[in-house]
């Protein structure tokens, strides 16, 4: 069975931040995330998207915790872009 990614999007400082939580393979009790930053209205799969994995060693106990961490990372990426 293929795991379908479900992206959540929030606007932050004029950019769209897209986050999806990903279960670690072999376990459903640990989660990670992928984050993408795009221009407003662009799809999360846009070629121009700035993408990043979690970039940390944390495993998140719930899907929601991974999504929250993903948005925090996405906001930090936007802050760096907007300097």
C-alpha atoms as a PDB file:
ATOM      1  CA  UNK A   1       0.000   0.000   0.000  1.00  0.00           C
ATOM      2  CA  UNK A   2       1.279   3.474  -0.895  1.00  0.00           C
ATOM      3  CA  UNK A   3       1.336   6.082   1.863  1.00  0.00           C
ATOM      4  CA  UNK A   4      -0.463   9.193   0.523  1.00  0.00           C
ATOM      5  CA  UNK A   5       1.016  12.440   1.834  1.00  0.00           C
ATOM      6  CA  UNK A   6      -1.423  14.923   3.300  1.00  0.00           C
ATOM      7  CA  UNK A   7      -0.104  18.485   3.191  1.00  0.00           C
ATOM      8  CA  UNK A   8      -1.248  21.239   5.533  1.00  0.00           C
ATOM      9  CA  UNK A   9      -0.637  24.849   4.511  1.00  0.00           C
ATOM     10  CA  UNK A  10      -0.391  28.108   6.443  1.00  0.00           C
ATOM     11  CA  UNK A  11       0.519  31.589   5.253  1.00  0.00           C
ATOM     12  CA  UNK A  12       3.456  33.201   7.060  1.00  0.00           C
ATOM     13  CA  UNK A  13       4.944  36.620   6.218  1.00  0.00           C
ATOM     14  CA  UNK A  14       3.659  36.484   2.651  1.00  0.00           C
ATOM     15  CA  UNK A  15       4.835  32.932   1.929  1.00  0.00           C
ATOM     16  CA  UNK A  16       2.998  29.599   2.033  1.00  0.00           C
ATOM     17  CA  UNK A  17       4.425  26.996   4.413  1.00  0.00           C
ATOM     18  CA  UNK A  18       3.417  23.412   3.556  1.00  0.00           C
ATOM     19  CA  UNK A  19       3.995  20.596   6.061  1.00  0.00           C
ATOM     20  CA  UNK A  20       3.354  16.864   5.964  1.00  0.00           C
ATOM     21  CA  UNK A  21       3.975  14.338   8.716  1.00  0.00           C
ATOM     22  CA  UNK A  22       5.596  11.050   7.754  1.00  0.00           C
ATOM     23  CA  UNK A  23       5.542   7.858   9.822  1.00  0.00           C
ATOM     24  CA  UNK A  24       8.942   6.239  10.290  1.00  0.00           C
ATOM     25  CA  UNK A  25       9.084   3.015   8.328  1.00  0.00           C
ATOM     26  CA  UNK A  26       8.494  -0.040  10.458  1.00  0.00           C
ATOM     27  CA  UNK A  27       6.644   1.827  13.203  1.00  0.00           C
ATOM     28  CA  UNK A  28       3.479   3.872  13.488  1.00  0.00           C
ATOM     29  CA  UNK A  29       4.463   5.322  16.863  1.00  0.00           C
ATOM     30  CA  UNK A  30       7.148   7.699  15.603  1.00  0.00           C
ATOM     31  CA  UNK A  31       6.750  10.562  13.164  1.00  0.00           C
ATOM     32  CA  UNK A  32       8.953  12.982  11.226  1.00  0.00           C
ATOM     33  CA  UNK A  33       8.061  15.798   8.821  1.00  0.00           C
ATOM     34  CA  UNK A  34       8.843  17.430   5.530  1.00  0.00           C
ATOM     35  CA  UNK A  35       8.335  21.155   5.015  1.00  0.00           C
ATOM     36  CA  UNK A  36       8.164  23.193   1.811  1.00  0.00           C
ATOM     37  CA  UNK A  37       8.014  26.961   1.424  1.00  0.00           C
ATOM     38  CA  UNK A  38       6.484  28.447  -1.715  1.00  0.00           C
ATOM     39  CA  UNK A  39       5.224  31.699  -3.133  1.00  0.00           C
ATOM     40  CA  UNK A  40       1.583  32.346  -2.201  1.00  0.00           C
ATOM     41  CA  UNK A  41      -0.851  30.058  -3.994  1.00  0.00           C
ATOM     42  CA  UNK A  42       1.792  27.677  -5.350  1.00  0.00           C
ATOM     43  CA  UNK A  43       1.304  23.953  -4.896  1.00  0.00           C
ATOM     44  CA  UNK A  44       3.524  22.130  -2.390  1.00  0.00           C
ATOM     45  CA  UNK A  45       5.026  20.190  -5.303  1.00  0.00           C
ATOM     46  CA  UNK A  46       6.049  23.334  -7.219  1.00  0.00           C
ATOM     47  CA  UNK A  47       9.511  23.141  -8.739  1.00  0.00           C
ATOM     48  CA  UNK A  48      10.417  26.443  -7.091  1.00  0.00           C
ATOM     49  CA  UNK A  49       9.566  25.209  -3.576  1.00  0.00           C
ATOM     50  CA  UNK A  50      12.212  25.438  -0.882  1.00  0.00           C
ATOM     51  CA  UNK A  51      12.094  21.988   0.738  1.00  0.00           C
ATOM     52  CA  UNK A  52      13.582  20.588   3.922  1.00  0.00           C
ATOM     53  CA  UNK A  53      13.315  17.489   6.057  1.00  0.00           C
ATOM     54  CA  UNK A  54      13.191  17.744   9.787  1.00  0.00           C
ATOM     55  CA  UNK A  55      16.927  18.299  10.044  1.00  0.00           C
ATOM     56  CA  UNK A  56      16.934  17.197  13.632  1.00  0.00           C
ATOM     57  CA  UNK A  57      17.277  13.923  15.467  1.00  0.00           C
ATOM     58  CA  UNK A  58      13.856  14.182  17.069  1.00  0.00           C
ATOM     59  CA  UNK A  59      11.157  11.601  16.589  1.00  0.00           C
ATOM     60  CA  UNK A  60       7.682  12.851  17.323  1.00  0.00           C
ATOM     61  CA  UNK A  61       5.194  10.713  19.245  1.00  0.00           C
ATOM     62  CA  UNK A  62       2.180  11.942  17.294  1.00  0.00           C
ATOM     63  CA  UNK A  63       1.405  13.108  13.803  1.00  0.00           C
ATOM     64  CA  UNK A  64       0.205  16.447  15.210  1.00  0.00           C
ATOM     65  CA  UNK A  65       3.480  17.001  17.090  1.00  0.00           C
ATOM     66  CA  UNK A  66       5.416  16.421  13.860  1.00  0.00           C
ATOM     67  CA  UNK A  67       3.192  18.889  11.984  1.00  0.00           C
ATOM     68  CA  UNK A  68       3.651  21.536  14.707  1.00  0.00           C
ATOM     69  CA  UNK A  69       7.445  21.070  14.552  1.00  0.00           C
ATOM     70  CA  UNK A  70       7.277  21.282  10.769  1.00  0.00           C
ATOM     71  CA  UNK A  71       5.505  24.622  10.854  1.00  0.00           C
ATOM     72  CA  UNK A  72       8.061  25.950  13.361  1.00  0.00           C
ATOM     73  CA  UNK A  73      10.863  24.912  10.976  1.00  0.00           C
ATOM     74  CA  UNK A  74       8.997  26.421   8.007  1.00  0.00           C
ATOM     75  CA  UNK A  75       8.552  29.733   9.812  1.00  0.00           C
ATOM     76  CA  UNK A  76      12.288  29.772  10.581  1.00  0.00           C
ATOM     77  CA  UNK A  77      13.059  29.183   6.877  1.00  0.00           C
ATOM     78  CA  UNK A  78      10.807  32.099   5.911  1.00  0.00           C
ATOM     79  CA  UNK A  79      12.473  34.295   8.542  1.00  0.00           C
ATOM     80  CA  UNK A  80      15.855  33.500   6.959  1.00  0.00           C
ATOM     81  CA  UNK A  81      14.524  34.302   3.474  1.00  0.00           C
ATOM     82  CA  UNK A  82      12.995  37.600   4.624  1.00  0.00           C
ATOM     83  CA  UNK A  83      16.160  38.984   6.255  1.00  0.00           C
END
